[in-house]
């Protein structure tokens, strides 16, 4: 099984579709998704709420039939796919402010509040743009936010194989993650550039986790 996450930055063109299809992903955990996005052969479920007009916070897509579930948090899409609860989330960024769907005084407390809601939904696969490096130096994330994310992963019995994957920027680590049950056999973590033929399709690259 291949699970991919990509922040689309609210863009969708034939190039985006081609790159998405080339991933050969069984599950897609997308963020910043235009409400009009359609991916041939895949079912898609988006958050009810919008980041801005026409742009949803997150989406889950899969070839298998899915049962959409209520958003556990305003920036998280949740669906049941082949008996698995799958979630795709945006977590708070450093200068994002405290307007809904966020609650808290700073990035750390806002992340803790969001993660608590997501943890209650008990996803078996969880990913997206978490705006936090899970290991190494924190460029985008917060110490308290990272602690909250690790606590939720431990509680859910998940691990994030993307935790040491590189960011596009040299020396940094990714803030986009895929977490799966800790006992699953992860055979590869792929970092796929979103710069294609010299054109930046998104300010985030793609990350793919392969499970045996």
N, C-alpha and C. Protein backbone atom coordinates (compact mmCIF):
# COMPACT_ATOMS: atom_id res chain seq x y z
N UNK A 1 0.85 -1.20 0.00
CA UNK A 1 0.00 0.00 0.00
C UNK A 1 0.88 1.24 0.00
N UNK A 2 0.46 2.22 -0.80
CA UNK A 2 1.19 3.48 -0.88
C UNK A 2 0.28 4.62 -0.39
N UNK A 3 0.81 5.40 0.54
CA UNK A 3 0.06 6.51 1.14
C UNK A 3 0.85 7.78 0.89
N UNK A 4 0.22 8.76 0.25
CA UNK A 4 0.91 10.00 -0.10
C UNK A 4 0.23 11.19 0.55
N UNK A 5 1.02 12.20 0.87
CA UNK A 5 0.47 13.47 1.34
C UNK A 5 1.05 14.61 0.52
N UNK A 6 0.18 15.58 0.22
CA UNK A 6 0.61 16.74 -0.57
C UNK A 6 -0.26 17.94 -0.24
N UNK A 7 0.38 19.04 0.07
CA UNK A 7 -0.31 20.32 0.20
C UNK A 7 -0.34 20.95 -1.19
N UNK A 8 -1.53 21.06 -1.75
CA UNK A 8 -1.69 21.54 -3.12
C UNK A 8 -1.62 23.06 -3.25
N UNK A 9 -1.59 23.76 -2.12
CA UNK A 9 -1.53 25.23 -2.11
C UNK A 9 -2.70 25.85 -2.88
N UNK A 10 -3.83 25.16 -2.87
CA UNK A 10 -5.01 25.71 -3.53
C UNK A 10 -4.92 25.76 -5.04
N UNK A 11 -4.09 24.89 -5.63
CA UNK A 11 -3.90 24.87 -7.08
C UNK A 11 -4.32 23.52 -7.64
N UNK A 12 -4.78 23.51 -8.89
CA UNK A 12 -5.09 22.25 -9.57
C UNK A 12 -5.12 22.48 -11.07
N UNK A 13 -4.17 21.86 -11.76
CA UNK A 13 -4.05 21.95 -13.21
C UNK A 13 -3.80 20.54 -13.74
N UNK A 14 -3.78 20.36 -15.05
CA UNK A 14 -3.42 19.04 -15.58
C UNK A 14 -2.06 18.55 -15.08
N UNK A 15 -1.12 19.46 -14.84
CA UNK A 15 0.18 19.05 -14.30
C UNK A 15 0.04 18.46 -12.90
N UNK A 16 -0.80 19.10 -12.07
CA UNK A 16 -1.03 18.57 -10.73
C UNK A 16 -1.66 17.18 -10.82
N UNK A 17 -2.60 17.02 -11.73
CA UNK A 17 -3.25 15.72 -11.88
C UNK A 17 -2.26 14.67 -12.33
N UNK A 18 -1.39 15.01 -13.26
CA UNK A 18 -0.41 14.03 -13.75
C UNK A 18 0.54 13.61 -12.64
N UNK A 19 1.02 14.58 -11.86
CA UNK A 19 1.93 14.24 -10.77
C UNK A 19 1.21 13.37 -9.73
N UNK A 20 -0.02 13.73 -9.41
CA UNK A 20 -0.79 12.95 -8.44
C UNK A 20 -0.98 11.52 -8.92
N UNK A 21 -1.34 11.33 -10.17
CA UNK A 21 -1.55 9.98 -10.70
C UNK A 21 -0.24 9.19 -10.75
N UNK A 22 0.87 9.88 -10.98
CA UNK A 22 2.16 9.20 -11.08
C UNK A 22 2.62 8.61 -9.74
N UNK A 23 2.04 9.07 -8.65
CA UNK A 23 2.43 8.58 -7.33
C UNK A 23 1.98 7.14 -7.08
N UNK A 24 0.97 6.70 -7.83
CA UNK A 24 0.40 5.35 -7.67
C UNK A 24 -0.05 5.11 -6.22
N UNK A 25 -0.67 6.12 -5.63
CA UNK A 25 -1.05 6.04 -4.22
C UNK A 25 -2.41 5.36 -4.05
N UNK A 26 -2.48 4.51 -3.04
CA UNK A 26 -3.76 3.90 -2.66
C UNK A 26 -4.57 4.86 -1.79
N UNK A 27 -3.87 5.67 -1.02
CA UNK A 27 -4.50 6.69 -0.19
C UNK A 27 -3.79 8.01 -0.43
N UNK A 28 -4.56 9.07 -0.59
CA UNK A 28 -4.02 10.42 -0.72
C UNK A 28 -4.54 11.26 0.44
N UNK A 29 -3.62 11.90 1.15
CA UNK A 29 -3.95 12.80 2.24
C UNK A 29 -3.57 14.20 1.78
N UNK A 30 -4.55 14.94 1.31
CA UNK A 30 -4.33 16.22 0.66
C UNK A 30 -4.70 17.37 1.58
N UNK A 31 -4.03 18.50 1.39
CA UNK A 31 -4.36 19.71 2.14
C UNK A 31 -4.39 20.90 1.18
N UNK A 32 -5.09 21.96 1.61
CA UNK A 32 -5.31 23.15 0.77
C UNK A 32 -5.84 22.74 -0.61
N UNK A 33 -7.03 22.17 -0.61
CA UNK A 33 -7.59 21.51 -1.79
C UNK A 33 -8.75 22.33 -2.36
N UNK A 34 -8.68 22.63 -3.64
CA UNK A 34 -9.82 23.28 -4.28
C UNK A 34 -11.04 22.36 -4.22
N UNK A 35 -12.19 22.95 -3.95
CA UNK A 35 -13.42 22.16 -3.82
C UNK A 35 -13.80 21.47 -5.12
N UNK A 36 -13.26 21.95 -6.24
CA UNK A 36 -13.61 21.40 -7.55
C UNK A 36 -12.69 20.27 -8.00
N UNK A 37 -11.71 19.90 -7.18
CA UNK A 37 -10.74 18.88 -7.60
C UNK A 37 -11.43 17.54 -7.83
N UNK A 38 -11.12 16.95 -8.97
CA UNK A 38 -11.54 15.58 -9.28
C UNK A 38 -10.32 14.81 -9.74
N UNK A 39 -10.16 13.59 -9.22
CA UNK A 39 -9.02 12.76 -9.57
C UNK A 39 -9.56 11.48 -10.21
N UNK A 40 -9.26 11.24 -11.48
CA UNK A 40 -9.84 10.08 -12.17
C UNK A 40 -9.61 8.78 -11.41
N UNK A 41 -10.70 8.04 -11.22
CA UNK A 41 -10.61 6.74 -10.58
C UNK A 41 -10.59 6.76 -9.07
N UNK A 42 -10.61 7.95 -8.47
CA UNK A 42 -10.53 8.04 -7.01
C UNK A 42 -11.78 8.70 -6.44
N UNK A 43 -12.19 8.22 -5.28
CA UNK A 43 -13.21 8.89 -4.49
C UNK A 43 -12.53 9.92 -3.61
N UNK A 44 -13.19 11.03 -3.35
CA UNK A 44 -12.58 12.09 -2.55
C UNK A 44 -13.60 12.65 -1.56
N UNK A 45 -13.11 12.90 -0.35
CA UNK A 45 -13.94 13.51 0.70
C UNK A 45 -13.18 14.71 1.26
N UNK A 46 -13.83 15.86 1.25
CA UNK A 46 -13.20 17.11 1.69
C UNK A 46 -13.80 17.59 3.01
N UNK A 47 -13.04 18.44 3.71
CA UNK A 47 -13.59 19.07 4.90
C UNK A 47 -14.79 19.92 4.52
N UNK A 48 -15.70 20.04 5.45
CA UNK A 48 -16.86 20.89 5.23
C UNK A 48 -16.46 22.36 5.19
N UNK A 49 -15.54 22.74 6.07
CA UNK A 49 -15.13 24.14 6.16
C UNK A 49 -14.11 24.52 5.10
N UNK A 50 -14.02 25.82 4.84
CA UNK A 50 -13.10 26.36 3.84
C UNK A 50 -12.02 27.21 4.50
N UNK A 51 -10.81 27.14 3.95
CA UNK A 51 -9.74 28.07 4.33
C UNK A 51 -10.06 29.46 3.82
N UNK A 52 -10.53 29.48 2.60
CA UNK A 52 -10.94 30.69 1.90
C UNK A 52 -11.92 30.25 0.83
N UNK A 53 -12.65 31.16 0.22
CA UNK A 53 -13.67 30.73 -0.75
C UNK A 53 -13.12 29.77 -1.81
N UNK A 54 -13.74 28.62 -1.90
CA UNK A 54 -13.37 27.63 -2.91
C UNK A 54 -12.24 26.71 -2.53
N UNK A 55 -11.59 26.95 -1.37
CA UNK A 55 -10.44 26.14 -0.96
C UNK A 55 -10.75 25.46 0.38
N UNK A 56 -10.76 24.12 0.37
CA UNK A 56 -11.01 23.37 1.59
C UNK A 56 -9.70 23.11 2.33
N UNK A 57 -9.84 22.90 3.62
CA UNK A 57 -8.65 22.66 4.45
C UNK A 57 -7.93 21.37 4.05
N UNK A 58 -8.69 20.31 3.91
CA UNK A 58 -8.05 19.00 3.71
C UNK A 58 -9.01 18.05 3.00
N UNK A 59 -8.43 16.95 2.50
CA UNK A 59 -9.23 15.93 1.82
C UNK A 59 -8.54 14.58 1.93
N UNK A 60 -9.35 13.54 1.85
CA UNK A 60 -8.88 12.16 1.77
C UNK A 60 -9.38 11.60 0.44
N UNK A 61 -8.51 10.93 -0.30
CA UNK A 61 -8.90 10.34 -1.58
C UNK A 61 -8.38 8.91 -1.65
N UNK A 62 -9.17 8.04 -2.29
CA UNK A 62 -8.79 6.63 -2.42
C UNK A 62 -9.59 5.99 -3.54
N UNK A 63 -9.01 4.94 -4.11
CA UNK A 63 -9.73 4.17 -5.13
C UNK A 63 -10.84 3.35 -4.49
N UNK A 64 -10.60 2.87 -3.28
CA UNK A 64 -11.58 2.04 -2.58
C UNK A 64 -12.79 2.87 -2.16
N UNK A 65 -13.94 2.23 -2.00
CA UNK A 65 -15.11 2.96 -1.49
C UNK A 65 -14.83 3.55 -0.12
N UNK A 66 -15.41 4.70 0.15
CA UNK A 66 -15.18 5.34 1.44
C UNK A 66 -16.50 5.80 2.04
N UNK A 67 -16.48 5.84 3.37
CA UNK A 67 -17.63 6.36 4.11
C UNK A 67 -17.21 7.66 4.78
N UNK A 68 -17.65 8.80 4.28
CA UNK A 68 -17.28 10.07 4.89
C UNK A 68 -17.77 10.14 6.33
N UNK A 69 -16.94 10.70 7.20
CA UNK A 69 -17.28 10.89 8.60
C UNK A 69 -17.21 12.38 8.93
N UNK A 70 -17.89 12.81 9.98
CA UNK A 70 -17.84 14.24 10.34
C UNK A 70 -16.42 14.70 10.63
N UNK A 71 -16.13 15.93 10.27
CA UNK A 71 -14.81 16.50 10.55
C UNK A 71 -14.57 16.50 12.06
N UNK A 72 -13.52 15.84 12.54
CA UNK A 72 -13.25 15.87 13.98
C UNK A 72 -12.73 17.23 14.45
N UNK A 73 -12.20 17.97 13.50
CA UNK A 73 -11.72 19.33 13.73
C UNK A 73 -11.92 20.07 12.42
N UNK A 74 -12.07 21.37 12.48
CA UNK A 74 -12.39 22.13 11.28
C UNK A 74 -11.40 22.00 10.14
N UNK A 75 -10.15 21.67 10.46
CA UNK A 75 -9.12 21.56 9.42
C UNK A 75 -8.72 20.11 9.16
N UNK A 76 -9.59 19.17 9.51
CA UNK A 76 -9.29 17.74 9.33
C UNK A 76 -10.44 17.04 8.63
N UNK A 77 -10.11 16.32 7.56
CA UNK A 77 -11.07 15.45 6.87
C UNK A 77 -10.91 14.03 7.39
N UNK A 78 -12.03 13.33 7.58
CA UNK A 78 -12.01 11.98 8.13
C UNK A 78 -12.95 11.09 7.33
N UNK A 79 -12.47 9.89 6.99
CA UNK A 79 -13.30 8.93 6.27
C UNK A 79 -12.90 7.52 6.66
N UNK A 80 -13.82 6.59 6.49
CA UNK A 80 -13.53 5.18 6.71
C UNK A 80 -13.34 4.52 5.35
N UNK A 81 -12.18 3.87 5.18
CA UNK A 81 -11.81 3.25 3.92
C UNK A 81 -11.32 1.84 4.20
N UNK A 82 -11.98 0.85 3.62
CA UNK A 82 -11.62 -0.55 3.88
C UNK A 82 -11.51 -0.84 5.37
N UNK A 83 -12.41 -0.27 6.15
CA UNK A 83 -12.41 -0.51 7.59
C UNK A 83 -11.43 0.31 8.38
N UNK A 84 -10.65 1.16 7.71
CA UNK A 84 -9.66 1.99 8.40
C UNK A 84 -10.15 3.43 8.48
N UNK A 85 -9.98 4.03 9.64
CA UNK A 85 -10.27 5.46 9.76
C UNK A 85 -9.05 6.24 9.29
N UNK A 86 -9.25 7.09 8.31
CA UNK A 86 -8.16 7.82 7.67
C UNK A 86 -8.43 9.31 7.82
N UNK A 87 -7.42 10.05 8.30
CA UNK A 87 -7.57 11.48 8.54
C UNK A 87 -6.48 12.26 7.82
N UNK A 88 -6.86 13.42 7.30
CA UNK A 88 -5.92 14.36 6.69
C UNK A 88 -6.13 15.71 7.35
N UNK A 89 -5.03 16.30 7.83
CA UNK A 89 -5.14 17.52 8.65
C UNK A 89 -4.16 18.59 8.23
N UNK A 90 -4.60 19.83 8.40
CA UNK A 90 -3.67 20.94 8.56
C UNK A 90 -3.64 21.25 10.05
N UNK A 91 -2.44 21.38 10.60
CA UNK A 91 -2.28 21.83 11.98
C UNK A 91 -1.77 23.27 11.97
N UNK A 92 -1.92 23.98 13.07
CA UNK A 92 -1.62 25.42 13.08
C UNK A 92 -0.19 25.77 12.69
N UNK A 93 -0.06 26.88 11.98
CA UNK A 93 1.26 27.39 11.62
C UNK A 93 1.59 28.57 12.53
N UNK A 94 2.83 28.98 12.48
CA UNK A 94 3.36 29.89 13.50
C UNK A 94 2.63 31.22 13.57
N UNK A 95 2.33 31.82 12.44
CA UNK A 95 1.70 33.15 12.43
C UNK A 95 0.26 33.08 11.97
N UNK A 96 -0.41 31.97 12.24
CA UNK A 96 -1.75 31.76 11.71
C UNK A 96 -2.86 32.47 12.46
N UNK A 97 -2.58 32.94 13.68
CA UNK A 97 -3.62 33.61 14.44
C UNK A 97 -4.58 32.62 15.09
N UNK A 98 -5.52 33.16 15.87
CA UNK A 98 -6.41 32.31 16.64
C UNK A 98 -7.83 32.26 16.16
N UNK A 99 -8.09 32.72 14.93
CA UNK A 99 -9.46 32.66 14.39
C UNK A 99 -9.84 31.20 14.12
N UNK A 100 -11.15 30.89 14.12
CA UNK A 100 -11.58 29.52 13.84
C UNK A 100 -10.98 29.01 12.52
N UNK A 101 -10.60 27.73 12.48
CA UNK A 101 -10.93 26.68 13.44
C UNK A 101 -9.96 26.55 14.61
N UNK A 102 -9.06 27.50 14.78
CA UNK A 102 -8.05 27.38 15.83
C UNK A 102 -8.57 27.96 17.14
N UNK A 103 -8.03 27.42 18.24
CA UNK A 103 -8.34 27.93 19.56
C UNK A 103 -7.07 27.87 20.40
N UNK A 104 -6.68 29.00 20.97
CA UNK A 104 -5.47 29.03 21.78
C UNK A 104 -4.72 30.32 21.58
N UNK A 105 -3.72 30.52 22.42
CA UNK A 105 -3.00 31.81 22.43
C UNK A 105 -1.79 31.83 21.50
N UNK A 106 -1.29 30.65 21.13
CA UNK A 106 -0.09 30.58 20.30
C UNK A 106 -0.10 29.26 19.53
N UNK A 107 0.94 29.05 18.71
CA UNK A 107 0.97 27.84 17.88
C UNK A 107 0.91 26.57 18.71
N UNK A 108 1.64 26.54 19.82
CA UNK A 108 1.67 25.34 20.64
C UNK A 108 0.31 24.99 21.21
N UNK A 109 -0.38 25.97 21.80
CA UNK A 109 -1.68 25.69 22.41
C UNK A 109 -2.74 25.41 21.34
N UNK A 110 -2.64 26.07 20.20
CA UNK A 110 -3.59 25.80 19.12
C UNK A 110 -3.40 24.39 18.57
N UNK A 111 -2.15 23.98 18.46
CA UNK A 111 -1.86 22.62 18.00
C UNK A 111 -2.39 21.60 18.99
N UNK A 112 -2.18 21.85 20.28
CA UNK A 112 -2.67 20.93 21.31
C UNK A 112 -4.18 20.77 21.23
N UNK A 113 -4.90 21.88 21.04
CA UNK A 113 -6.36 21.82 20.97
C UNK A 113 -6.82 21.02 19.75
N UNK A 114 -6.19 21.28 18.60
CA UNK A 114 -6.57 20.56 17.38
C UNK A 114 -6.27 19.07 17.51
N UNK A 115 -5.09 18.76 18.02
CA UNK A 115 -4.67 17.36 18.14
C UNK A 115 -5.56 16.59 19.09
N UNK A 116 -6.03 17.24 20.15
CA UNK A 116 -6.94 16.57 21.09
C UNK A 116 -8.22 16.13 20.39
N UNK A 117 -8.77 16.99 19.54
CA UNK A 117 -9.98 16.63 18.80
C UNK A 117 -9.72 15.49 17.82
N UNK A 118 -8.59 15.53 17.15
CA UNK A 118 -8.26 14.49 16.18
C UNK A 118 -8.01 13.16 16.88
N UNK A 119 -7.31 13.21 17.99
CA UNK A 119 -7.02 11.99 18.75
C UNK A 119 -8.30 11.28 19.17
N UNK A 120 -9.30 12.05 19.55
CA UNK A 120 -10.59 11.47 19.97
C UNK A 120 -11.25 10.70 18.83
N UNK A 121 -11.00 11.11 17.58
CA UNK A 121 -11.57 10.43 16.42
C UNK A 121 -10.88 9.11 16.10
N UNK A 122 -9.72 8.88 16.71
CA UNK A 122 -8.99 7.61 16.61
C UNK A 122 -8.68 7.18 15.17
N UNK A 123 -8.01 8.04 14.39
CA UNK A 123 -7.62 7.59 13.05
C UNK A 123 -6.55 6.50 13.11
N UNK A 124 -6.59 5.60 12.15
CA UNK A 124 -5.58 4.55 12.03
C UNK A 124 -4.47 5.00 11.09
N UNK A 125 -4.82 5.82 10.12
CA UNK A 125 -3.85 6.48 9.24
C UNK A 125 -4.14 7.98 9.34
N UNK A 126 -3.09 8.75 9.58
CA UNK A 126 -3.26 10.19 9.79
C UNK A 126 -2.07 10.91 9.17
N UNK A 127 -2.37 11.95 8.41
CA UNK A 127 -1.28 12.71 7.82
C UNK A 127 -1.74 14.08 7.40
N UNK A 128 -0.89 14.73 6.60
CA UNK A 128 -1.20 16.06 6.10
C UNK A 128 -0.09 17.05 6.39
N UNK A 129 -0.44 18.32 6.33
CA UNK A 129 0.50 19.42 6.59
C UNK A 129 0.38 19.77 8.07
N UNK A 130 1.31 19.26 8.85
CA UNK A 130 1.25 19.45 10.30
C UNK A 130 2.00 20.69 10.76
N UNK A 131 2.69 21.36 9.84
CA UNK A 131 3.41 22.59 10.17
C UNK A 131 4.39 22.42 11.32
N UNK A 132 4.87 21.21 11.49
CA UNK A 132 5.87 20.92 12.53
C UNK A 132 6.87 19.89 12.01
N UNK A 133 8.14 20.18 12.21
CA UNK A 133 9.16 19.15 12.07
C UNK A 133 9.05 18.24 13.28
N UNK A 134 9.06 16.94 13.08
CA UNK A 134 8.91 16.01 14.20
C UNK A 134 10.23 15.63 14.83
N UNK A 135 11.33 15.87 14.12
CA UNK A 135 12.67 15.65 14.66
C UNK A 135 13.55 16.79 14.18
N UNK A 136 14.71 16.93 14.82
CA UNK A 136 15.65 17.95 14.39
C UNK A 136 15.22 19.36 14.78
N UNK A 137 15.87 20.33 14.15
CA UNK A 137 15.62 21.73 14.48
C UNK A 137 14.22 22.16 14.05
N UNK A 138 13.60 22.99 14.88
CA UNK A 138 12.29 23.54 14.58
C UNK A 138 12.45 24.85 13.83
N UNK A 139 12.10 24.84 12.55
CA UNK A 139 12.07 26.07 11.76
C UNK A 139 10.65 26.60 11.66
N UNK A 140 9.69 25.70 11.48
CA UNK A 140 8.29 26.09 11.29
C UNK A 140 7.44 25.82 12.52
N UNK A 141 7.77 24.77 13.24
CA UNK A 141 6.93 24.32 14.33
C UNK A 141 7.29 24.90 15.68
N UNK A 142 6.58 24.45 16.70
CA UNK A 142 6.80 24.89 18.08
C UNK A 142 7.14 23.67 18.94
N UNK A 143 7.87 23.92 20.00
CA UNK A 143 8.24 22.82 20.90
C UNK A 143 7.00 22.18 21.52
N UNK A 144 6.08 23.02 22.01
CA UNK A 144 4.87 22.47 22.64
C UNK A 144 3.99 21.74 21.63
N UNK A 145 3.91 22.29 20.41
CA UNK A 145 3.13 21.62 19.37
C UNK A 145 3.70 20.27 19.02
N UNK A 146 5.02 20.21 18.89
CA UNK A 146 5.67 18.93 18.59
C UNK A 146 5.37 17.91 19.69
N UNK A 147 5.45 18.36 20.93
CA UNK A 147 5.17 17.47 22.06
C UNK A 147 3.74 16.94 21.99
N UNK A 148 2.79 17.80 21.65
CA UNK A 148 1.39 17.38 21.54
C UNK A 148 1.21 16.35 20.43
N UNK A 149 1.86 16.57 19.30
CA UNK A 149 1.74 15.63 18.18
C UNK A 149 2.33 14.27 18.57
N UNK A 150 3.53 14.29 19.17
CA UNK A 150 4.13 13.02 19.59
C UNK A 150 3.25 12.30 20.61
N UNK A 151 2.64 13.07 21.51
CA UNK A 151 1.76 12.46 22.50
C UNK A 151 0.56 11.80 21.86
N UNK A 152 -0.02 12.45 20.85
CA UNK A 152 -1.17 11.87 20.15
C UNK A 152 -0.77 10.61 19.39
N UNK A 153 0.38 10.65 18.73
CA UNK A 153 0.85 9.47 18.00
C UNK A 153 1.05 8.30 18.95
N UNK A 154 1.66 8.56 20.10
CA UNK A 154 1.87 7.49 21.08
C UNK A 154 0.53 6.94 21.57
N UNK A 155 -0.40 7.83 21.85
CA UNK A 155 -1.72 7.42 22.34
C UNK A 155 -2.43 6.54 21.31
N UNK A 156 -2.31 6.89 20.04
CA UNK A 156 -2.98 6.16 18.97
C UNK A 156 -2.21 4.94 18.49
N UNK A 157 -1.00 4.75 18.99
CA UNK A 157 -0.18 3.63 18.55
C UNK A 157 0.37 3.81 17.15
N UNK A 158 0.59 5.06 16.75
CA UNK A 158 1.08 5.37 15.40
C UNK A 158 2.52 5.83 15.44
N UNK A 159 3.18 5.70 14.31
CA UNK A 159 4.49 6.30 14.11
C UNK A 159 4.49 7.01 12.77
N UNK A 160 5.34 8.02 12.66
CA UNK A 160 5.41 8.81 11.42
C UNK A 160 6.74 8.52 10.73
N UNK A 161 6.75 7.65 9.72
CA UNK A 161 8.00 7.34 9.02
C UNK A 161 8.61 8.54 8.32
N UNK A 162 7.82 9.60 8.14
CA UNK A 162 8.31 10.83 7.50
C UNK A 162 9.09 11.72 8.44
N UNK A 163 9.28 11.31 9.69
CA UNK A 163 9.81 12.24 10.70
C UNK A 163 11.20 12.77 10.38
N UNK A 164 11.99 12.03 9.62
CA UNK A 164 13.33 12.50 9.27
C UNK A 164 13.47 12.82 7.79
N UNK A 165 12.37 12.83 7.06
CA UNK A 165 12.42 13.12 5.62
C UNK A 165 12.82 14.58 5.39
N UNK A 166 13.54 14.85 4.32
CA UNK A 166 14.02 16.21 4.09
C UNK A 166 12.94 17.14 3.56
N UNK A 167 13.07 18.39 3.94
CA UNK A 167 12.27 19.47 3.35
C UNK A 167 12.91 19.86 2.03
N UNK A 168 12.20 20.62 1.24
CA UNK A 168 12.78 21.17 0.01
C UNK A 168 13.97 22.07 0.33
N UNK A 169 13.89 22.79 1.45
CA UNK A 169 14.97 23.70 1.83
C UNK A 169 16.11 22.91 2.46
N UNK A 170 17.35 23.12 2.01
CA UNK A 170 18.48 22.35 2.52
C UNK A 170 18.61 22.48 4.03
N UNK A 171 18.85 21.36 4.69
CA UNK A 171 19.08 21.35 6.12
C UNK A 171 17.84 21.26 6.98
N UNK A 172 16.67 21.44 6.38
CA UNK A 172 15.41 21.37 7.14
C UNK A 172 14.74 20.02 6.91
N UNK A 173 13.81 19.69 7.80
CA UNK A 173 13.05 18.46 7.66
C UNK A 173 11.59 18.79 7.36
N UNK A 174 10.92 17.82 6.79
CA UNK A 174 9.56 18.06 6.32
C UNK A 174 8.59 18.41 7.45
N UNK A 175 7.58 19.20 7.11
CA UNK A 175 6.46 19.48 8.02
C UNK A 175 5.20 18.76 7.54
N UNK A 176 5.31 18.04 6.44
CA UNK A 176 4.20 17.23 5.89
C UNK A 176 4.45 15.77 6.26
N UNK A 177 3.45 15.12 6.82
CA UNK A 177 3.70 13.81 7.42
C UNK A 177 2.62 12.79 7.08
N UNK A 178 3.03 11.53 7.20
CA UNK A 178 2.11 10.39 7.15
C UNK A 178 2.42 9.53 8.37
N UNK A 179 1.38 9.22 9.16
CA UNK A 179 1.54 8.36 10.33
C UNK A 179 0.68 7.12 10.15
N UNK A 180 1.25 5.97 10.51
CA UNK A 180 0.58 4.68 10.36
C UNK A 180 0.80 3.86 11.63
N UNK A 181 0.06 2.77 11.82
CA UNK A 181 0.30 1.94 13.01
C UNK A 181 1.77 1.55 13.13
N UNK A 182 2.27 1.61 14.36
CA UNK A 182 3.69 1.39 14.58
C UNK A 182 4.14 -0.02 14.18
N UNK A 183 3.20 -0.97 14.16
CA UNK A 183 3.56 -2.34 13.82
C UNK A 183 3.54 -2.60 12.32
N UNK A 184 3.06 -1.66 11.51
CA UNK A 184 3.06 -1.86 10.06
C UNK A 184 4.50 -1.86 9.55
N UNK A 185 4.72 -2.63 8.50
CA UNK A 185 6.06 -2.75 7.92
C UNK A 185 6.24 -1.70 6.83
N UNK A 186 6.94 -0.62 7.16
CA UNK A 186 7.20 0.45 6.21
C UNK A 186 8.45 0.10 5.42
N UNK A 187 8.32 0.03 4.10
CA UNK A 187 9.45 -0.38 3.26
C UNK A 187 10.15 0.79 2.58
N UNK A 188 9.49 1.94 2.50
CA UNK A 188 10.12 3.08 1.84
C UNK A 188 9.40 4.37 2.21
N UNK A 189 10.18 5.44 2.24
CA UNK A 189 9.64 6.80 2.37
C UNK A 189 10.22 7.60 1.21
N UNK A 190 9.35 8.12 0.36
CA UNK A 190 9.78 8.83 -0.84
C UNK A 190 9.50 10.32 -0.71
N UNK A 191 10.46 11.11 -1.14
CA UNK A 191 10.31 12.57 -1.22
C UNK A 191 10.25 12.92 -2.70
N UNK A 192 9.11 13.42 -3.14
CA UNK A 192 8.89 13.70 -4.56
C UNK A 192 8.79 15.21 -4.75
N UNK A 193 9.66 15.75 -5.56
CA UNK A 193 9.66 17.20 -5.79
C UNK A 193 8.38 17.65 -6.49
N UNK A 194 7.85 18.78 -6.03
CA UNK A 194 6.69 19.38 -6.69
C UNK A 194 7.12 20.45 -7.70
N UNK A 195 8.40 20.48 -8.01
CA UNK A 195 8.90 21.34 -9.09
C UNK A 195 9.07 20.44 -10.31
N UNK A 196 8.25 20.66 -11.31
CA UNK A 196 8.22 19.79 -12.49
C UNK A 196 8.52 20.63 -13.73
N UNK A 197 9.55 20.23 -14.46
CA UNK A 197 9.96 20.96 -15.66
C UNK A 197 10.19 22.44 -15.35
N UNK A 198 10.77 22.68 -14.19
CA UNK A 198 11.09 24.05 -13.79
C UNK A 198 9.93 24.85 -13.24
N UNK A 199 8.75 24.24 -13.16
CA UNK A 199 7.56 24.94 -12.68
C UNK A 199 7.19 24.43 -11.29
N UNK A 200 7.04 25.37 -10.34
CA UNK A 200 6.65 25.01 -8.98
C UNK A 200 5.14 24.80 -8.91
N UNK A 201 4.72 23.55 -8.76
CA UNK A 201 3.30 23.25 -8.68
C UNK A 201 2.72 23.60 -7.31
N UNK A 202 3.57 23.57 -6.29
CA UNK A 202 3.16 23.91 -4.93
C UNK A 202 4.40 24.31 -4.15
N UNK A 203 4.19 25.05 -3.07
CA UNK A 203 5.32 25.37 -2.21
C UNK A 203 5.64 24.22 -1.25
N UNK A 204 4.91 23.12 -1.35
CA UNK A 204 5.19 21.90 -0.59
C UNK A 204 5.50 20.76 -1.55
N UNK A 205 6.48 19.94 -1.19
CA UNK A 205 6.74 18.72 -1.94
C UNK A 205 5.80 17.61 -1.49
N UNK A 206 5.91 16.47 -2.16
CA UNK A 206 5.05 15.32 -1.89
C UNK A 206 5.85 14.28 -1.10
N UNK A 207 5.17 13.59 -0.19
CA UNK A 207 5.81 12.52 0.57
C UNK A 207 4.95 11.26 0.47
N UNK A 208 5.62 10.15 0.19
CA UNK A 208 4.92 8.87 0.00
C UNK A 208 5.52 7.84 0.94
N UNK A 209 4.66 7.14 1.66
CA UNK A 209 5.07 6.04 2.53
C UNK A 209 4.56 4.74 1.91
N UNK A 210 5.46 3.78 1.75
CA UNK A 210 5.07 2.49 1.18
C UNK A 210 5.04 1.44 2.28
N UNK A 211 3.94 0.70 2.32
CA UNK A 211 3.73 -0.33 3.33
C UNK A 211 3.69 -1.69 2.65
N UNK A 212 4.37 -2.66 3.23
CA UNK A 212 4.35 -4.01 2.66
C UNK A 212 3.14 -4.77 3.15
